[in-house]
């Protein structure tokens, strides 16, 4: 989170970079021209939010972009990028507002650029925010022809007194896992290495879909589940499980003096992860630090409200308990093992 003045300067610079007027931005967001002017001057006119603060985040979909261009998923990769961004700010309790995108390429192919813009705008619409501008940068001396590099920035808003940052986590809290639909946007360097070593896996059928179809599923958006979850009391922390796995992300929200005791045998891993683990002969520690292994989101909730939280999330995604918060300084400790044989 940034202070209002810095945030206003950032928004103004991005708007100018996109060659948009304040009126253009206002029209895109469906707000008044005066509102945009106030934002850029460091004032946030949200009467329903008593102490508004902006949350800003940038993201790119990593090496999954390379596979997306190779196998015809140019529109889908845009959903990966936006869904990832939305999840990142919503775990703090923020409401997504606006997105700015950047496309860097060696040469601008009209149909490819159109598919990117459509994918990004559709993903924004599905997540309740607006694509307010962006930039296409043609850099033939930097990027080879046919290569595209995508990145986006998002702005969200919430009340300062409603920030969910893990500070409320206490001993005895329940740790819930929310299901992913696959790899999301992490682990693709390892996957591409496996594909180079064994090209035949590309057409291998896993749970009724080819390997490529499985690994190119768009990153799950948890927007609706989180919105529904925020109606439940006792939510003390949320972690979006991306690079670094459960340990690398959950540890960021745990207060000093507490650790998460995670029972790996409770994780409902997916067929694609079991296939990758087997075909690559990858040990469990590397799988857990590289992939989400079926857990895309972690919610830490008061034990008293755990069942209510599960019911709220289950309207959109499978949700179940995988651990508890205990006294100690281990941060995230694993016990038992993932069942790599069946879900």
C-alpha atoms as a PDB file:
ATOM      1  CA  UNK A   1       0.000   0.000   0.000  1.00  0.00           C
ATOM      2  CA  UNK A   2       1.156   3.508  -0.781  1.00  0.00           C
ATOM      3  CA  UNK A   3       0.176   6.915   0.514  1.00  0.00           C
ATOM      4  CA  UNK A   4      -2.385   8.873  -1.468  1.00  0.00           C
ATOM      5  CA  UNK A   5       0.062  11.390  -2.954  1.00  0.00           C
ATOM      6  CA  UNK A   6       2.449   8.733  -4.286  1.00  0.00           C
ATOM      7  CA  UNK A   7      -0.459   6.699  -5.595  1.00  0.00           C
ATOM      8  CA  UNK A   8      -1.924   9.735  -7.365  1.00  0.00           C
ATOM      9  CA  UNK A   9       1.420  10.483  -9.015  1.00  0.00           C
ATOM     10  CA  UNK A  10       1.691   6.853 -10.139  1.00  0.00           C
ATOM     11  CA  UNK A  11      -1.805   6.834 -11.648  1.00  0.00           C
ATOM     12  CA  UNK A  12      -1.237  10.144 -13.429  1.00  0.00           C
ATOM     13  CA  UNK A  13       2.057   8.947 -14.939  1.00  0.00           C
ATOM     14  CA  UNK A  14       0.480   5.719 -16.200  1.00  0.00           C
ATOM     15  CA  UNK A  15      -2.460   7.612 -17.689  1.00  0.00           C
ATOM     16  CA  UNK A  16      -0.150   9.981 -19.541  1.00  0.00           C
ATOM     17  CA  UNK A  17       2.008   7.072 -20.681  1.00  0.00           C
ATOM     18  CA  UNK A  18      -1.110   5.519 -22.186  1.00  0.00           C
ATOM     19  CA  UNK A  19      -1.895   8.882 -23.865  1.00  0.00           C
ATOM     20  CA  UNK A  20      -5.270   9.092 -22.129  1.00  0.00           C
ATOM     21  CA  UNK A  21      -7.040  12.118 -20.699  1.00  0.00           C
ATOM     22  CA  UNK A  22      -8.677  12.129 -17.303  1.00  0.00           C
ATOM     23  CA  UNK A  23     -12.003  12.102 -19.137  1.00  0.00           C
ATOM     24  CA  UNK A  24     -10.948   8.908 -20.976  1.00  0.00           C
ATOM     25  CA  UNK A  25     -10.164   7.175 -17.697  1.00  0.00           C
ATOM     26  CA  UNK A  26     -13.413   8.396 -16.142  1.00  0.00           C
ATOM     27  CA  UNK A  27     -15.417   6.990 -19.053  1.00  0.00           C
ATOM     28  CA  UNK A  28     -13.622   3.626 -18.826  1.00  0.00           C
ATOM     29  CA  UNK A  29     -14.299   3.328 -15.090  1.00  0.00           C
ATOM     30  CA  UNK A  30     -17.804   4.735 -15.209  1.00  0.00           C
ATOM     31  CA  UNK A  31     -16.975   7.507 -12.734  1.00  0.00           C
ATOM     32  CA  UNK A  32     -16.935  11.285 -12.949  1.00  0.00           C
ATOM     33  CA  UNK A  33     -14.086  13.346 -14.391  1.00  0.00           C
ATOM     34  CA  UNK A  34     -13.819  15.016 -10.980  1.00  0.00           C
ATOM     35  CA  UNK A  35     -13.219  11.667  -9.301  1.00  0.00           C
ATOM     36  CA  UNK A  36     -10.223  10.888 -11.520  1.00  0.00           C
ATOM     37  CA  UNK A  37      -8.846  14.359 -10.898  1.00  0.00           C
ATOM     38  CA  UNK A  38      -9.181  13.868  -7.137  1.00  0.00           C
ATOM     39  CA  UNK A  39      -7.419  10.483  -7.304  1.00  0.00           C
ATOM     40  CA  UNK A  40      -4.458  11.998  -9.092  1.00  0.00           C
ATOM     41  CA  UNK A  41      -4.342  14.836  -6.580  1.00  0.00           C
ATOM     42  CA  UNK A  42      -4.122  12.337  -3.743  1.00  0.00           C
ATOM     43  CA  UNK A  43      -7.783  12.336  -2.685  1.00  0.00           C
ATOM     44  CA  UNK A  44      -9.868   9.164  -2.816  1.00  0.00           C
ATOM     45  CA  UNK A  45     -13.602   9.991  -3.090  1.00  0.00           C
ATOM     46  CA  UNK A  46     -15.183   6.739  -1.875  1.00  0.00           C
ATOM     47  CA  UNK A  47     -17.847   7.768   0.648  1.00  0.00           C
ATOM     48  CA  UNK A  48     -18.735   4.140   1.444  1.00  0.00           C
ATOM     49  CA  UNK A  49     -15.122   3.476   2.525  1.00  0.00           C
ATOM     50  CA  UNK A  50     -14.258   5.446   5.689  1.00  0.00           C
ATOM     51  CA  UNK A  51     -10.454   5.276   5.419  1.00  0.00           C
ATOM     52  CA  UNK A  52      -9.656   4.363   1.782  1.00  0.00           C
ATOM     53  CA  UNK A  53      -6.214   3.152   0.764  1.00  0.00           C
ATOM     54  CA  UNK A  54      -5.060   1.908  -2.624  1.00  0.00           C
ATOM     55  CA  UNK A  55      -3.301  -1.393  -3.183  1.00  0.00           C
ATOM     56  CA  UNK A  56      -1.048  -1.593  -6.265  1.00  0.00           C
ATOM     57  CA  UNK A  57       0.501  -4.698  -7.817  1.00  0.00           C
ATOM     58  CA  UNK A  58       2.305  -5.618 -11.032  1.00  0.00           C
ATOM     59  CA  UNK A  59       2.542  -9.083 -12.566  1.00  0.00           C
ATOM     60  CA  UNK A  60       3.633 -11.011 -15.643  1.00  0.00           C
ATOM     61  CA  UNK A  61       2.734 -14.632 -16.421  1.00  0.00           C
ATOM     62  CA  UNK A  62       6.357 -15.842 -16.565  1.00  0.00           C
ATOM     63  CA  UNK A  63       7.583 -18.525 -18.920  1.00  0.00           C
ATOM     64  CA  UNK A  64       4.027 -19.778 -19.465  1.00  0.00           C
ATOM     65  CA  UNK A  65       3.887 -16.968 -22.057  1.00  0.00           C
ATOM     66  CA  UNK A  66       6.308 -18.846 -24.290  1.00  0.00           C
ATOM     67  CA  UNK A  67       4.125 -21.951 -24.317  1.00  0.00           C
ATOM     68  CA  UNK A  68       1.007 -19.825 -24.823  1.00  0.00           C
ATOM     69  CA  UNK A  69       2.382 -18.336 -28.040  1.00  0.00           C
ATOM     70  CA  UNK A  70       3.664 -21.686 -29.258  1.00  0.00           C
ATOM     71  CA  UNK A  71       0.390 -23.558 -28.747  1.00  0.00           C
ATOM     72  CA  UNK A  72      -2.191 -20.866 -29.550  1.00  0.00           C
ATOM     73  CA  UNK A  73      -3.199 -19.676 -26.088  1.00  0.00           C
ATOM     74  CA  UNK A  74      -2.551 -15.951 -26.611  1.00  0.00           C
ATOM     75  CA  UNK A  75      -5.972 -14.929 -25.298  1.00  0.00           C
ATOM     76  CA  UNK A  76      -5.935 -17.428 -22.443  1.00  0.00           C
ATOM     77  CA  UNK A  77      -2.575 -16.208 -21.089  1.00  0.00           C
ATOM     78  CA  UNK A  78      -4.147 -12.789 -20.521  1.00  0.00           C
ATOM     79  CA  UNK A  79      -6.659 -14.372 -18.141  1.00  0.00           C
ATOM     80  CA  UNK A  80      -3.719 -15.942 -16.303  1.00  0.00           C
ATOM     81  CA  UNK A  81      -2.137 -12.539 -15.824  1.00  0.00           C
ATOM     82  CA  UNK A  82      -5.260 -10.673 -14.679  1.00  0.00           C
ATOM     83  CA  UNK A  83      -6.569 -13.484 -12.461  1.00  0.00           C
ATOM     84  CA  UNK A  84      -3.166 -13.687 -10.755  1.00  0.00           C
ATOM     85  CA  UNK A  85      -3.186  -9.931 -10.120  1.00  0.00           C
ATOM     86  CA  UNK A  86      -6.727  -9.920  -8.760  1.00  0.00           C
ATOM     87  CA  UNK A  87      -5.972 -12.788  -6.375  1.00  0.00           C
ATOM     88  CA  UNK A  88      -2.842 -11.013  -5.132  1.00  0.00           C
ATOM     89  CA  UNK A  89      -4.715  -7.912  -3.990  1.00  0.00           C
ATOM     90  CA  UNK A  90      -7.946  -9.582  -2.891  1.00  0.00           C
ATOM     91  CA  UNK A  91      -6.144 -11.692  -0.271  1.00  0.00           C
ATOM     92  CA  UNK A  92      -5.650  -8.377   1.536  1.00  0.00           C
ATOM     93  CA  UNK A  93      -9.377  -7.659   1.281  1.00  0.00           C
ATOM     94  CA  UNK A  94      -9.042  -5.144  -1.566  1.00  0.00           C
ATOM     95  CA  UNK A  95     -11.598  -4.574  -4.313  1.00  0.00           C
ATOM     96  CA  UNK A  96     -10.034  -4.490  -7.814  1.00  0.00           C
ATOM     97  CA  UNK A  97     -10.586  -1.215  -9.667  1.00  0.00           C
ATOM     98  CA  UNK A  98      -8.412  -0.676 -12.709  1.00  0.00           C
ATOM     99  CA  UNK A  99      -5.723  -2.349 -14.815  1.00  0.00           C
ATOM    100  CA  UNK A 100      -2.999  -0.981 -17.086  1.00  0.00           C
ATOM    101  CA  UNK A 101      -1.260  -3.375 -19.470  1.00  0.00           C
ATOM    102  CA  UNK A 102       2.041  -3.343 -21.353  1.00  0.00           C
ATOM    103  CA  UNK A 103       2.873  -5.440 -24.422  1.00  0.00           C
ATOM    104  CA  UNK A 104       6.521  -5.552 -25.519  1.00  0.00           C
ATOM    105  CA  UNK A 105       7.255  -7.190 -28.864  1.00  0.00           C
ATOM    106  CA  UNK A 106       9.759  -7.362 -31.706  1.00  0.00           C
ATOM    107  CA  UNK A 107       7.076  -6.644 -34.280  1.00  0.00           C
ATOM    108  CA  UNK A 108       3.390  -5.907 -33.756  1.00  0.00           C
ATOM    109  CA  UNK A 109       1.174  -8.485 -35.487  1.00  0.00           C
ATOM    110  CA  UNK A 110      -2.318  -7.031 -35.628  1.00  0.00           C
ATOM    111  CA  UNK A 111      -4.294 -10.208 -34.882  1.00  0.00           C
ATOM    112  CA  UNK A 112      -2.047 -11.181 -31.987  1.00  0.00           C
ATOM    113  CA  UNK A 113      -2.318  -7.737 -30.402  1.00  0.00           C
ATOM    114  CA  UNK A 114      -6.107  -7.844 -30.842  1.00  0.00           C
ATOM    115  CA  UNK A 115      -6.269 -11.229 -29.096  1.00  0.00           C
ATOM    116  CA  UNK A 116      -4.215  -9.859 -26.182  1.00  0.00           C
ATOM    117  CA  UNK A 117      -6.447  -6.808 -25.767  1.00  0.00           C
ATOM    118  CA  UNK A 118      -9.577  -8.952 -25.955  1.00  0.00           C
ATOM    119  CA  UNK A 119      -8.194 -11.429 -23.419  1.00  0.00           C
ATOM    120  CA  UNK A 120      -7.139  -8.720 -20.971  1.00  0.00           C
ATOM    121  CA  UNK A 121     -10.384  -6.738 -21.274  1.00  0.00           C
ATOM    122  CA  UNK A 122     -12.532  -9.877 -20.931  1.00  0.00           C
ATOM    123  CA  UNK A 123     -10.568 -10.975 -17.856  1.00  0.00           C
ATOM    124  CA  UNK A 124     -10.931  -7.521 -16.312  1.00  0.00           C
ATOM    125  CA  UNK A 125     -14.673  -7.550 -16.952  1.00  0.00           C
ATOM    126  CA  UNK A 126     -15.016 -11.002 -15.349  1.00  0.00           C
ATOM    127  CA  UNK A 127     -13.156  -9.741 -12.279  1.00  0.00           C
ATOM    128  CA  UNK A 128     -15.200  -6.567 -11.880  1.00  0.00           C
ATOM    129  CA  UNK A 129     -12.492  -4.089 -12.849  1.00  0.00           C
ATOM    130  CA  UNK A 130     -11.649  -2.015 -15.929  1.00  0.00           C
ATOM    131  CA  UNK A 131      -8.798  -1.961 -18.420  1.00  0.00           C
ATOM    132  CA  UNK A 132      -8.195   1.788 -18.432  1.00  0.00           C
ATOM    133  CA  UNK A 133      -5.174   1.957 -20.721  1.00  0.00           C
ATOM    134  CA  UNK A 134      -1.809   0.525 -21.601  1.00  0.00           C
ATOM    135  CA  UNK A 135       1.108   0.541 -23.965  1.00  0.00           C
ATOM    136  CA  UNK A 136       2.361  -1.533 -26.886  1.00  0.00           C
ATOM    137  CA  UNK A 137       6.130  -1.147 -27.143  1.00  0.00           C
ATOM    138  CA  UNK A 138       7.799  -2.382 -30.353  1.00  0.00           C
ATOM    139  CA  UNK A 139      11.453  -3.153 -29.594  1.00  0.00           C
ATOM    140  CA  UNK A 140      13.015  -5.010 -32.582  1.00  0.00           C
ATOM    141  CA  UNK A 141      16.531  -4.539 -31.191  1.00  0.00           C
ATOM    142  CA  UNK A 142      15.542  -6.071 -27.850  1.00  0.00           C
ATOM    143  CA  UNK A 143      12.864  -8.692 -28.579  1.00  0.00           C
ATOM    144  CA  UNK A 144      12.870 -11.119 -31.515  1.00  0.00           C
ATOM    145  CA  UNK A 145      10.052 -11.074 -34.048  1.00  0.00           C
ATOM    146  CA  UNK A 146       7.184 -13.265 -32.877  1.00  0.00           C
ATOM    147  CA  UNK A 147       8.118 -12.910 -29.213  1.00  0.00           C
ATOM    148  CA  UNK A 148       5.751 -11.052 -26.888  1.00  0.00           C
ATOM    149  CA  UNK A 149       6.264 -10.064 -23.264  1.00  0.00           C
ATOM    150  CA  UNK A 150       3.144  -9.174 -21.275  1.00  0.00           C
ATOM    151  CA  UNK A 151       2.858  -7.360 -17.983  1.00  0.00           C
ATOM    152  CA  UNK A 152       0.063  -5.541 -16.150  1.00  0.00           C
ATOM    153  CA  UNK A 153      -0.490  -3.378 -13.097  1.00  0.00           C
ATOM    154  CA  UNK A 154      -3.644  -3.302 -10.997  1.00  0.00           C
ATOM    155  CA  UNK A 155      -5.086  -0.819  -8.526  1.00  0.00           C
ATOM    156  CA  UNK A 156      -7.506  -1.916  -5.827  1.00  0.00           C
ATOM    157  CA  UNK A 157      -9.110  -0.210  -2.849  1.00  0.00           C
ATOM    158  CA  UNK A 158     -10.116  -1.050   0.705  1.00  0.00           C
ATOM    159  CA  UNK A 159     -10.602   0.623   4.047  1.00  0.00           C
ATOM    160  CA  UNK A 160      -7.446   0.857   6.146  1.00  0.00           C
ATOM    161  CA  UNK A 161      -9.197  -0.739   9.121  1.00  0.00           C
ATOM    162  CA  UNK A 162     -10.249  -3.718   6.981  1.00  0.00           C
ATOM    163  CA  UNK A 163      -6.795  -4.750   5.754  1.00  0.00           C
ATOM    164  CA  UNK A 164      -6.215  -8.510   6.076  1.00  0.00           C
ATOM    165  CA  UNK A 165      -2.483  -8.939   6.611  1.00  0.00           C
ATOM    166  CA  UNK A 166      -2.177 -11.882   9.004  1.00  0.00           C
ATOM    167  CA  UNK A 167      -1.605  -9.732  12.083  1.00  0.00           C
ATOM    168  CA  UNK A 168      -4.785 -11.148  13.634  1.00  0.00           C
ATOM    169  CA  UNK A 169      -3.662 -14.784  13.336  1.00  0.00           C
ATOM    170  CA  UNK A 170      -3.653 -16.526  16.723  1.00  0.00           C
ATOM    171  CA  UNK A 171      -2.832 -19.914  18.208  1.00  0.00           C
ATOM    172  CA  UNK A 172      -5.519 -22.473  17.395  1.00  0.00           C
ATOM    173  CA  UNK A 173      -6.656 -20.892  14.132  1.00  0.00           C
ATOM    174  CA  UNK A 174      -7.634 -23.294  11.360  1.00  0.00           C
ATOM    175  CA  UNK A 175      -5.725 -23.431   8.067  1.00  0.00           C
ATOM    176  CA  UNK A 176      -7.951 -24.057   5.051  1.00  0.00           C
ATOM    177  CA  UNK A 177      -6.915 -25.072   1.538  1.00  0.00           C
ATOM    178  CA  UNK A 178      -8.838 -23.812  -1.493  1.00  0.00           C
ATOM    179  CA  UNK A 179      -8.426 -25.904  -4.644  1.00  0.00           C
ATOM    180  CA  UNK A 180      -6.514 -24.807  -7.720  1.00  0.00           C
ATOM    181  CA  UNK A 181      -7.379 -26.045 -11.209  1.00  0.00           C
ATOM    182  CA  UNK A 182      -3.790 -26.887 -12.134  1.00  0.00           C
ATOM    183  CA  UNK A 183      -0.391 -25.214 -12.399  1.00  0.00           C
ATOM    184  CA  UNK A 184      -1.762 -21.665 -12.550  1.00  0.00           C
ATOM    185  CA  UNK A 185       1.336 -19.620 -13.555  1.00  0.00           C
ATOM    186  CA  UNK A 186       4.194 -21.304 -11.724  1.00  0.00           C
ATOM    187  CA  UNK A 187       6.563 -24.200 -12.406  1.00  0.00           C
ATOM    188  CA  UNK A 188       6.745 -23.784 -16.170  1.00  0.00           C
ATOM    189  CA  UNK A 189      10.535 -23.735 -16.425  1.00  0.00           C
ATOM    190  CA  UNK A 190      10.574 -27.242 -14.959  1.00  0.00           C
ATOM    191  CA  UNK A 191       7.646 -28.312 -17.167  1.00  0.00           C
ATOM    192  CA  UNK A 192       9.369 -27.025 -20.319  1.00  0.00           C
ATOM    193  CA  UNK A 193      12.500 -28.955 -19.343  1.00  0.00           C
ATOM    194  CA  UNK A 194      10.417 -32.141 -19.041  1.00  0.00           C
ATOM    195  CA  UNK A 195       8.850 -31.448 -22.438  1.00  0.00           C
ATOM    196  CA  UNK A 196      12.304 -31.039 -23.998  1.00  0.00           C
ATOM    197  CA  UNK A 197      13.478 -34.306 -22.443  1.00  0.00           C
ATOM    198  CA  UNK A 198      10.323 -36.263 -23.373  1.00  0.00           C
ATOM    199  CA  UNK A 199       8.442 -34.542 -26.248  1.00  0.00           C
ATOM    200  CA  UNK A 200       5.921 -37.384 -26.410  1.00  0.00           C
ATOM    201  CA  UNK A 201       4.247 -36.230 -23.174  1.00  0.00           C
ATOM    202  CA  UNK A 202       2.642 -33.296 -25.008  1.00  0.00           C
ATOM    203  CA  UNK A 203      -0.148 -35.518 -26.330  1.00  0.00           C
ATOM    204  CA  UNK A 204      -0.392 -37.782 -23.289  1.00  0.00           C
ATOM    205  CA  UNK A 205      -3.956 -37.936 -21.933  1.00  0.00           C
ATOM    206  CA  UNK A 206      -4.352 -37.023 -18.256  1.00  0.00           C
ATOM    207  CA  UNK A 207      -7.813 -37.183 -16.758  1.00  0.00           C
ATOM    208  CA  UNK A 208      -9.368 -36.953 -20.230  1.00  0.00           C
ATOM    209  CA  UNK A 209      -7.287 -34.000 -21.485  1.00  0.00           C
ATOM    210  CA  UNK A 210      -3.927 -33.756 -23.234  1.00  0.00           C
ATOM    211  CA  UNK A 211      -0.870 -32.685 -21.269  1.00  0.00           C
ATOM    212  CA  UNK A 212      -0.883 -29.323 -23.083  1.00  0.00           C
ATOM    213  CA  UNK A 213      -4.562 -28.735 -22.309  1.00  0.00           C
ATOM    214  CA  UNK A 214      -3.913 -29.528 -18.657  1.00  0.00           C
ATOM    215  CA  UNK A 215      -0.923 -27.234 -18.197  1.00  0.00           C
ATOM    216  CA  UNK A 216      -2.475 -24.333 -20.132  1.00  0.00           C
ATOM    217  CA  UNK A 217      -5.635 -24.005 -18.055  1.00  0.00           C
ATOM    218  CA  UNK A 218      -5.988 -20.340 -17.013  1.00  0.00           C
ATOM    219  CA  UNK A 219      -5.013 -19.377 -13.480  1.00  0.00           C
ATOM    220  CA  UNK A 220      -8.081 -19.684 -11.222  1.00  0.00           C
ATOM    221  CA  UNK A 221      -9.633 -16.420 -10.089  1.00  0.00           C
ATOM    222  CA  UNK A 222     -10.799 -16.530  -6.475  1.00  0.00           C
ATOM    223  CA  UNK A 223     -12.638 -13.201  -6.681  1.00  0.00           C
ATOM    224  CA  UNK A 224     -16.153 -14.486  -6.058  1.00  0.00           C
ATOM    225  CA  UNK A 225     -15.055 -16.914  -3.350  1.00  0.00           C
ATOM    226  CA  UNK A 226     -13.117 -14.220  -1.485  1.00  0.00           C
ATOM    227  CA  UNK A 227     -15.974 -11.726  -1.764  1.00  0.00           C
ATOM    228  CA  UNK A 228     -18.290 -14.321  -0.260  1.00  0.00           C
ATOM    229  CA  UNK A 229     -15.679 -15.253   2.355  1.00  0.00           C
ATOM    230  CA  UNK A 230     -15.335 -11.659   3.560  1.00  0.00           C
ATOM    231  CA  UNK A 231     -18.910 -11.882   4.828  1.00  0.00           C
ATOM    232  CA  UNK A 232     -17.701 -14.486   7.327  1.00  0.00           C
ATOM    233  CA  UNK A 233     -16.222 -13.273  10.642  1.00  0.00           C
ATOM    234  CA  UNK A 234     -12.904 -14.542  11.958  1.00  0.00           C
ATOM    235  CA  UNK A 235     -10.877 -14.327   8.739  1.00  0.00           C
ATOM    236  CA  UNK A 236      -7.345 -13.586   9.952  1.00  0.00           C
ATOM    237  CA  UNK A 237      -5.201 -14.122   6.870  1.00  0.00           C
ATOM    238  CA  UNK A 238      -5.105 -15.304   3.260  1.00  0.00           C
ATOM    239  CA  UNK A 239      -2.191 -16.384   1.089  1.00  0.00           C
ATOM    240  CA  UNK A 240      -2.230 -16.737  -2.697  1.00  0.00           C
ATOM    241  CA  UNK A 241      -0.107 -19.828  -3.411  1.00  0.00           C
ATOM    242  CA  UNK A 242       2.238 -18.970  -6.277  1.00  0.00           C
ATOM    243  CA  UNK A 243       6.010 -19.385  -6.726  1.00  0.00           C
ATOM    244  CA  UNK A 244       7.523 -20.963  -3.629  1.00  0.00           C
ATOM    245  CA  UNK A 245       4.480 -23.104  -2.919  1.00  0.00           C
ATOM    246  CA  UNK A 246       2.657 -23.275   0.397  1.00  0.00           C
ATOM    247  CA  UNK A 247       5.761 -22.686   2.531  1.00  0.00           C
ATOM    248  CA  UNK A 248       7.042 -19.771   0.469  1.00  0.00           C
ATOM    249  CA  UNK A 249       3.744 -17.866   0.570  1.00  0.00           C
ATOM    250  CA  UNK A 250       1.993 -18.769   3.814  1.00  0.00           C
ATOM    251  CA  UNK A 251       5.074 -17.813   5.875  1.00  0.00           C
ATOM    252  CA  UNK A 252       4.686 -14.169   4.774  1.00  0.00           C
ATOM    253  CA  UNK A 253       1.519 -13.611   6.788  1.00  0.00           C
ATOM    254  CA  UNK A 254       2.402 -15.501   9.990  1.00  0.00           C
ATOM    255  CA  UNK A 255       3.171 -13.350  13.055  1.00  0.00           C
ATOM    256  CA  UNK A 256       6.310 -13.991  15.097  1.00  0.00           C
ATOM    257  CA  UNK A 257       5.941 -16.728  17.687  1.00  0.00           C
ATOM    258  CA  UNK A 258       3.488 -18.780  15.640  1.00  0.00           C
ATOM    259  CA  UNK A 259       3.810 -21.487  13.003  1.00  0.00           C
ATOM    260  CA  UNK A 260       1.490 -23.328  10.646  1.00  0.00           C
ATOM    261  CA  UNK A 261       1.326 -27.077  11.225  1.00  0.00           C
ATOM    262  CA  UNK A 262       0.375 -28.483   7.797  1.00  0.00           C
ATOM    263  CA  UNK A 263      -0.673 -32.115   7.272  1.00  0.00           C
ATOM    264  CA  UNK A 264       0.381 -32.924   3.707  1.00  0.00           C
ATOM    265  CA  UNK A 265      -1.682 -36.127   3.661  1.00  0.00           C
ATOM    266  CA  UNK A 266      -4.830 -33.972   3.633  1.00  0.00           C
ATOM    267  CA  UNK A 267      -3.917 -32.158   0.404  1.00  0.00           C
ATOM    268  CA  UNK A 268      -6.102 -33.139  -2.534  1.00  0.00           C
ATOM    269  CA  UNK A 269      -3.526 -33.012  -5.273  1.00  0.00           C
ATOM    270  CA  UNK A 270      -4.539 -33.158  -8.949  1.00  0.00           C
ATOM    271  CA  UNK A 271      -3.811 -35.740 -11.674  1.00  0.00           C
ATOM    272  CA  UNK A 272      -1.538 -33.296 -13.553  1.00  0.00           C
ATOM    273  CA  UNK A 273       0.743 -32.917 -10.516  1.00  0.00           C
ATOM    274  CA  UNK A 274       0.845 -36.655  -9.936  1.00  0.00           C
ATOM    275  CA  UNK A 275       1.770 -37.143 -13.592  1.00  0.00           C
ATOM    276  CA  UNK A 276       4.544 -34.513 -13.474  1.00  0.00           C
ATOM    277  CA  UNK A 277       5.917 -35.996 -10.239  1.00  0.00           C
ATOM    278  CA  UNK A 278       6.009 -39.486 -11.738  1.00  0.00           C
ATOM    279  CA  UNK A 279       7.274 -38.694 -15.252  1.00  0.00           C
ATOM    280  CA  UNK A 280       9.978 -36.380 -13.914  1.00  0.00           C
ATOM    281  CA  UNK A 281      10.832 -38.513 -10.876  1.00  0.00           C
ATOM    282  CA  UNK A 282      10.696 -35.297  -8.825  1.00  0.00           C
ATOM    283  CA  UNK A 283      11.045 -35.516  -5.063  1.00  0.00           C
ATOM    284  CA  UNK A 284       8.296 -34.192  -2.821  1.00  0.00           C
ATOM    285  CA  UNK A 285      10.251 -31.205  -1.509  1.00  0.00           C
ATOM    286  CA  UNK A 286      10.869 -29.899  -5.040  1.00  0.00           C
ATOM    287  CA  UNK A 287       7.243 -30.472  -6.056  1.00  0.00           C
ATOM    288  CA  UNK A 288       6.015 -28.516  -3.028  1.00  0.00           C
ATOM    289  CA  UNK A 289       8.405 -25.611  -3.577  1.00  0.00           C
ATOM    290  CA  UNK A 290       7.773 -25.394  -7.342  1.00  0.00           C
ATOM    291  CA  UNK A 291       4.026 -26.000  -7.710  1.00  0.00           C
ATOM    292  CA  UNK A 292       0.835 -25.282  -5.788  1.00  0.00           C
ATOM    293  CA  UNK A 293       0.146 -29.058  -5.924  1.00  0.00           C
ATOM    294  CA  UNK A 294      -3.625 -28.476  -5.885  1.00  0.00           C
ATOM    295  CA  UNK A 295      -3.809 -25.674  -3.298  1.00  0.00           C
ATOM    296  CA  UNK A 296      -4.254 -22.270  -4.960  1.00  0.00           C
ATOM    297  CA  UNK A 297      -5.305 -20.284  -1.910  1.00  0.00           C
ATOM    298  CA  UNK A 298      -4.856 -20.651   1.862  1.00  0.00           C
ATOM    299  CA  UNK A 299      -7.239 -19.111   4.368  1.00  0.00           C
ATOM    300  CA  UNK A 300      -6.445 -18.801   8.074  1.00  0.00           C
ATOM    301  CA  UNK A 301      -9.640 -18.479  10.100  1.00  0.00           C
ATOM    302  CA  UNK A 302     -10.695 -18.651  13.732  1.00  0.00           C
ATOM    303  CA  UNK A 303     -11.569 -22.243  14.653  1.00  0.00           C
ATOM    304  CA  UNK A 304     -15.021 -21.058  15.687  1.00  0.00           C
ATOM    305  CA  UNK A 305     -15.838 -19.879  12.143  1.00  0.00           C
ATOM    306  CA  UNK A 306     -13.969 -22.518  10.119  1.00  0.00           C
ATOM    307  CA  UNK A 307     -17.063 -24.466   9.067  1.00  0.00           C
ATOM    308  CA  UNK A 308     -18.848 -21.285   7.998  1.00  0.00           C
ATOM    309  CA  UNK A 309     -15.818 -20.228   5.953  1.00  0.00           C
ATOM    310  CA  UNK A 310     -15.714 -23.637   4.273  1.00  0.00           C
ATOM    311  CA  UNK A 311     -19.400 -23.365   3.352  1.00  0.00           C
ATOM    312  CA  UNK A 312     -18.932 -19.871   1.929  1.00  0.00           C
ATOM    313  CA  UNK A 313     -15.962 -20.896  -0.230  1.00  0.00           C
ATOM    314  CA  UNK A 314     -17.486 -24.241  -1.279  1.00  0.00           C
ATOM    315  CA  UNK A 315     -20.094 -22.380  -3.337  1.00  0.00           C
ATOM    316  CA  UNK A 316     -17.257 -21.730  -5.801  1.00  0.00           C
ATOM    317  CA  UNK A 317     -14.288 -24.036  -5.058  1.00  0.00           C
ATOM    318  CA  UNK A 318     -13.479 -27.147  -3.060  1.00  0.00           C
ATOM    319  CA  UNK A 319     -12.275 -26.133   0.412  1.00  0.00           C
ATOM    320  CA  UNK A 320     -11.038 -28.220   3.327  1.00  0.00           C
ATOM    321  CA  UNK A 321      -8.853 -28.098   6.445  1.00  0.00           C
ATOM    322  CA  UNK A 322      -5.141 -28.924   6.165  1.00  0.00           C
ATOM    323  CA  UNK A 323      -3.658 -27.596   9.396  1.00  0.00           C
ATOM    324  CA  UNK A 324      -3.593 -25.478  12.541  1.00  0.00           C
ATOM    325  CA  UNK A 325      -1.706 -22.481  13.864  1.00  0.00           C
ATOM    326  CA  UNK A 326       0.499 -23.306  16.855  1.00  0.00           C
ATOM    327  CA  UNK A 327       2.977 -21.580  19.138  1.00  0.00           C
ATOM    328  CA  UNK A 328       6.590 -21.702  17.916  1.00  0.00           C
ATOM    329  CA  UNK A 329       8.946 -20.166  15.389  1.00  0.00           C
ATOM    330  CA  UNK A 330       8.888 -22.763  12.634  1.00  0.00           C
ATOM    331  CA  UNK A 331       6.695 -20.584  10.350  1.00  0.00           C
ATOM    332  CA  UNK A 332       5.399 -23.403   8.083  1.00  0.00           C
ATOM    333  CA  UNK A 333       6.144 -27.003   9.057  1.00  0.00           C
ATOM    334  CA  UNK A 334       5.046 -30.042   7.051  1.00  0.00           C
ATOM    335  CA  UNK A 335       4.198 -33.453   8.454  1.00  0.00           C
ATOM    336  CA  UNK A 336       3.251 -36.690   6.711  1.00  0.00           C
ATOM    337  CA  UNK A 337       3.435 -36.849   2.897  1.00  0.00           C
ATOM    338  CA  UNK A 338       1.310 -35.962  -0.095  1.00  0.00           C
ATOM    339  CA  UNK A 339      -0.600 -38.897  -1.552  1.00  0.00           C
ATOM    340  CA  UNK A 340       0.886 -38.988  -5.050  1.00  0.00           C
ATOM    341  CA  UNK A 341      -1.013 -42.133  -6.021  1.00  0.00           C
ATOM    342  CA  UNK A 342      -4.620 -40.885  -5.912  1.00  0.00           C
ATOM    343  CA  UNK A 343      -6.610 -37.799  -4.977  1.00  0.00           C
END
